[in-house]
Amino acid sequence: MKGVFVTGTGTGVGKTVVCGLLAGFLRAQGMRVTTQKWVETGGTDGPSDVDVHRRLMGDPGPEPEPPAADRSPYRFSLPASPHLAAAREGRRVDPAILEAAYRRLEGTHDAVLVEGAGGFLVPLSEELLTGDFVARIGLPVLVVAANRLGCVNDALLTAEAVRRRGLRLLGLVFNRLPGDGGGTRAESLADNPRIVAGIARAPVLGEVPTLTDPARGAEAFAPVGRAFLERWRST
């Protein structure tokens, strides 16, 4: 099993940080690891999400970096669903290009972590949902959820959508984002991972605390990385 699809319960839940830190953790175990984002929307200037992955992963050593076109096949400026962002530029996301890029990375690495755009059912085109394309390739799925009010419903719906497509649900990772987790909400946020794990019957691999600098988050992320690796190797 070389590939893992890192999806989220929505936009802005911390997928990019989890993907990058997980790649760095696996690399520290001696694995040849790369990351990929099939479609990125919301900007073509400045660092891409795979650039953020690279920063979080740390020094690759002598391992050559894969071509940028393979790691990030499509980037669009409109901050919208891939189908709309592509249409705004008179383009279309071609699943054959995505799969070919993934297969090239798969052939030269021990692990390829693919970060999705938005949630699991975001349309890549008018005819193709992200989740259906992931099922076509057959990647197991890691779900990232922001631990905040409302996340239980989002996490359970995502887990259900993954399983309805016959895909392996490796587990869920919860993120504590800045500004979430204090005051009267503390009890609710502490309970969210427990209730999701119980109802979804899927392991919660851990919770990533609020990180003031994600690039220094390797130590805080390590328990999640160990839980993921154990789960990944057992399925």
Protein backbone atom coordinates (compact mmCIF):
# COMPACT_ATOMS: atom_id res chain seq x y z
CA MET A 1 0.00 0.00 0.00
CA LYS A 2 1.81 3.09 -1.23
CA GLY A 3 -0.82 5.78 -1.49
CA VAL A 4 -3.03 7.47 1.08
CA PHE A 5 -5.69 10.05 0.33
CA VAL A 6 -5.79 12.76 3.00
CA THR A 7 -9.26 14.28 2.92
CA GLY A 8 -11.02 16.71 5.20
CA THR A 9 -14.47 17.35 6.54
CA GLY A 10 -14.37 20.61 4.62
CA THR A 11 -12.16 23.56 3.74
CA GLY A 12 -9.79 25.05 6.30
CA VAL A 13 -9.67 22.06 8.66
CA GLY A 14 -5.88 21.62 8.61
CA LYS A 15 -5.34 18.98 5.91
CA THR A 16 -2.20 20.65 4.59
CA VAL A 17 -0.51 20.69 8.00
CA VAL A 18 -1.45 17.08 8.76
CA CYS A 19 -0.32 15.93 5.33
CA GLY A 20 3.04 17.69 5.61
CA LEU A 21 3.75 16.63 9.18
CA LEU A 22 2.75 13.04 8.43
CA ALA A 23 5.05 12.97 5.41
CA GLY A 24 7.87 14.29 7.60
CA PHE A 25 7.18 11.64 10.23
CA LEU A 26 7.28 8.83 7.66
CA ARG A 27 10.45 10.24 6.11
CA ALA A 28 12.05 10.20 9.56
CA GLN A 29 11.32 6.45 9.67
CA GLY A 30 13.53 6.00 6.62
CA MET A 31 10.78 5.91 4.00
CA ARG A 32 10.91 7.55 0.59
CA VAL A 33 7.92 9.86 0.84
CA THR A 34 6.36 12.54 -1.29
CA THR A 35 3.10 14.46 -1.26
CA GLN A 36 0.72 15.44 -4.00
CA LYS A 37 -2.26 17.73 -4.44
CA TRP A 38 -4.25 16.95 -7.55
CA VAL A 39 -6.07 20.28 -7.71
CA GLU A 40 -5.39 23.47 -5.79
CA THR A 41 -7.71 26.44 -6.04
CA GLY A 42 -7.54 29.93 -4.63
CA GLY A 43 -4.26 31.22 -5.97
CA THR A 44 -1.48 30.67 -8.46
CA ASP A 45 0.96 33.13 -6.92
CA GLY A 46 3.03 32.38 -3.87
CA PRO A 47 3.73 29.02 -2.27
CA SER A 48 1.48 26.12 -3.15
CA ASP A 49 0.18 23.60 -0.65
CA VAL A 50 2.87 21.15 -1.75
CA ASP A 51 5.43 23.87 -0.99
CA VAL A 52 3.98 23.98 2.54
CA HIS A 53 4.24 20.18 2.68
CA ARG A 54 7.89 20.44 1.68
CA ARG A 55 8.62 22.93 4.46
CA LEU A 56 6.88 20.76 7.06
CA MET A 57 8.58 17.58 5.84
CA GLY A 58 12.07 18.92 6.45
CA ASP A 59 15.30 18.05 4.68
CA PRO A 60 14.83 15.35 2.01
CA GLY A 61 18.54 14.55 2.07
CA PRO A 62 19.93 13.21 -1.22
CA GLU A 63 16.49 12.20 -2.48
CA PRO A 64 15.61 14.21 -5.63
CA GLU A 65 12.38 16.18 -5.58
CA PRO A 66 9.71 14.95 -8.02
CA PRO A 67 8.66 17.32 -10.83
CA ALA A 68 6.30 20.07 -9.71
CA ALA A 69 3.86 19.11 -12.48
CA ASP A 70 3.47 15.67 -10.91
CA ARG A 71 3.08 16.91 -7.37
CA SER A 72 0.57 19.64 -8.26
CA PRO A 73 -0.99 18.94 -11.68
CA TYR A 74 -3.63 21.69 -11.53
CA ARG A 75 -3.65 25.12 -9.88
CA PHE A 76 -6.45 27.63 -10.41
CA SER A 77 -6.83 31.18 -9.13
CA LEU A 78 -10.53 31.17 -8.18
CA PRO A 79 -11.12 30.04 -4.55
CA ALA A 80 -13.89 27.60 -5.43
CA SER A 81 -14.63 23.97 -6.13
CA PRO A 82 -12.25 22.51 -8.76
CA HIS A 83 -15.00 22.16 -11.38
CA LEU A 84 -15.87 25.85 -11.16
CA ALA A 85 -12.30 27.14 -10.76
CA ALA A 86 -11.27 25.21 -13.88
CA ALA A 87 -14.28 26.39 -15.88
CA ARG A 88 -13.54 30.02 -15.00
CA GLU A 89 -10.21 29.62 -16.83
CA GLY A 90 -11.69 27.71 -19.75
CA ARG A 91 -10.09 24.50 -18.59
CA ARG A 92 -11.16 21.11 -17.31
CA VAL A 93 -9.62 18.70 -14.82
CA ASP A 94 -8.62 15.57 -16.72
CA PRO A 95 -8.64 12.50 -14.45
CA ALA A 96 -6.22 10.70 -16.78
CA ILE A 97 -3.61 13.40 -16.09
CA LEU A 98 -4.17 13.07 -12.34
CA GLU A 99 -3.85 9.30 -12.37
CA ALA A 100 -0.75 9.33 -14.56
CA ALA A 101 0.96 11.81 -12.24
CA TYR A 102 0.03 9.71 -9.21
CA ARG A 103 1.32 6.51 -10.81
CA ARG A 104 4.67 8.11 -11.60
CA LEU A 105 5.11 9.13 -7.96
CA GLU A 106 3.89 5.75 -6.74
CA GLY A 107 6.52 4.03 -8.84
CA THR A 108 9.44 5.85 -7.19
CA HIS A 109 8.32 6.20 -3.54
CA ASP A 110 7.41 4.08 -0.55
CA ALA A 111 4.49 6.36 0.27
CA VAL A 112 2.54 9.03 -1.61
CA LEU A 113 0.26 11.23 0.51
CA VAL A 114 -2.37 12.91 -1.66
CA GLU A 115 -4.10 15.93 -0.15
CA GLY A 116 -7.60 16.56 -1.43
CA ALA A 117 -9.16 19.90 -2.23
CA GLY A 118 -11.89 20.71 0.28
CA GLY A 119 -14.04 17.77 1.32
CA PHE A 120 -14.34 14.20 0.09
CA LEU A 121 -17.24 14.77 -2.32
CA VAL A 122 -16.01 17.99 -3.94
CA PRO A 123 -16.56 17.85 -7.73
CA LEU A 124 -13.45 17.62 -9.88
CA SER A 125 -15.74 18.15 -12.87
CA GLU A 126 -19.45 18.24 -13.57
CA GLU A 127 -19.37 14.45 -13.92
CA LEU A 128 -16.77 13.30 -11.39
CA LEU A 129 -16.67 13.64 -7.60
CA THR A 130 -13.35 13.49 -5.81
CA GLY A 131 -14.46 10.47 -3.78
CA ASP A 132 -15.40 8.54 -6.89
CA PHE A 133 -12.00 9.22 -8.43
CA VAL A 134 -10.26 8.08 -5.23
CA ALA A 135 -12.33 4.88 -5.42
CA ARG A 136 -11.30 4.39 -9.04
CA ILE A 137 -7.64 4.41 -8.00
CA GLY A 138 -8.35 2.50 -4.77
CA LEU A 139 -6.57 4.65 -2.21
CA PRO A 140 -7.19 4.21 1.52
CA VAL A 141 -8.41 7.38 3.21
CA LEU A 142 -7.33 9.42 6.21
CA VAL A 143 -9.92 11.96 7.37
CA VAL A 144 -8.89 15.26 8.95
CA ALA A 145 -11.45 17.16 11.04
CA ALA A 146 -11.20 20.50 12.76
CA ASN A 147 -12.25 19.94 16.36
CA ARG A 148 -14.97 22.55 16.69
CA LEU A 149 -18.71 22.78 17.17
CA GLY A 150 -20.45 20.97 14.34
CA CYS A 151 -17.58 18.66 13.48
CA VAL A 152 -19.32 15.47 14.67
CA ASN A 153 -21.88 15.58 11.85
CA ASP A 154 -19.22 16.49 9.28
CA ALA A 155 -16.89 13.70 10.39
CA LEU A 156 -19.60 11.05 10.42
CA LEU A 157 -20.87 12.04 6.97
CA THR A 158 -17.35 11.91 5.57
CA ALA A 159 -16.64 8.50 7.11
CA GLU A 160 -19.92 7.20 5.67
CA ALA A 161 -19.13 8.54 2.20
CA VAL A 162 -15.72 6.86 2.25
CA ARG A 163 -17.12 3.50 3.26
CA ARG A 164 -20.02 3.60 0.81
CA ARG A 165 -17.39 3.58 -1.94
CA GLY A 166 -15.71 0.46 -0.57
CA LEU A 167 -12.59 2.30 0.53
CA ARG A 168 -10.53 1.58 3.62
CA LEU A 169 -10.93 4.23 6.28
CA LEU A 170 -7.57 4.35 8.00
CA GLY A 171 -8.85 6.65 10.72
CA LEU A 172 -9.46 10.24 11.69
CA VAL A 173 -7.18 12.99 12.92
CA PHE A 174 -8.62 15.95 14.80
CA ASN A 175 -7.03 19.39 14.63
CA ARG A 176 -7.25 22.07 17.31
CA LEU A 177 -7.20 25.31 15.38
CA PRO A 178 -6.37 28.75 16.79
CA GLY A 179 -9.36 30.23 18.60
CA ASP A 180 -11.13 26.90 19.10
CA GLY A 181 -11.24 25.04 22.36
CA GLY A 182 -11.77 27.40 25.26
CA GLY A 183 -14.47 28.43 27.68
CA THR A 184 -17.81 26.66 27.78
CA ARG A 185 -17.01 24.70 24.60
CA ALA A 186 -14.16 22.77 26.20
CA GLU A 187 -16.34 19.85 27.31
CA SER A 188 -17.89 19.49 23.86
CA LEU A 189 -14.55 19.59 22.07
CA ALA A 190 -13.07 17.04 24.44
CA ASP A 191 -15.95 14.67 23.67
CA ASN A 192 -15.99 15.06 19.89
CA PRO A 193 -13.25 12.51 19.05
CA ARG A 194 -14.78 9.94 21.43
CA ILE A 195 -18.29 10.09 20.05
CA VAL A 196 -17.10 10.09 16.43
CA ALA A 197 -14.90 7.05 17.02
CA GLY A 198 -17.75 5.18 18.71
CA ILE A 199 -20.41 5.88 16.11
CA ALA A 200 -18.19 5.61 13.03
CA ARG A 201 -16.42 2.54 14.45
CA ALA A 202 -13.17 3.96 13.16
CA PRO A 203 -10.02 4.78 15.09
CA VAL A 204 -9.24 8.35 16.02
CA LEU A 205 -5.48 8.41 15.54
CA GLY A 206 -5.05 11.46 17.73
CA GLU A 207 -5.54 15.16 18.05
CA VAL A 208 -3.03 17.71 16.84
CA PRO A 209 -2.81 20.59 19.32
CA THR A 210 -2.86 24.21 18.26
CA LEU A 211 0.55 24.85 16.69
CA THR A 212 1.90 28.38 16.71
CA ASP A 213 4.50 27.27 14.16
CA PRO A 214 3.56 24.06 12.32
CA ALA A 215 7.14 23.73 11.05
CA ARG A 216 8.13 23.04 14.66
CA GLY A 217 5.27 20.63 15.22
CA ALA A 218 7.06 17.31 14.59
CA GLU A 219 7.30 16.39 18.27
CA ALA A 220 3.66 17.23 18.98
CA PHE A 221 2.60 15.27 15.90
CA ALA A 222 4.67 12.16 16.66
CA PRO A 223 1.91 10.27 18.59
CA VAL A 224 -0.43 10.73 15.63
CA GLY A 225 2.28 9.57 13.25
CA ARG A 226 2.93 6.42 15.28
CA ALA A 227 -0.78 5.59 15.44
CA PHE A 228 -1.10 6.12 11.70
CA LEU A 229 1.89 3.91 10.91
CA GLU A 230 0.56 1.08 13.06
CA ARG A 231 -2.84 1.32 11.39
CA TRP A 232 -1.38 1.61 7.88
CA ARG A 233 0.79 -1.46 8.31
CA SER A 234 -2.08 -3.54 9.70
CA THR A 235 -4.49 -2.97 6.81
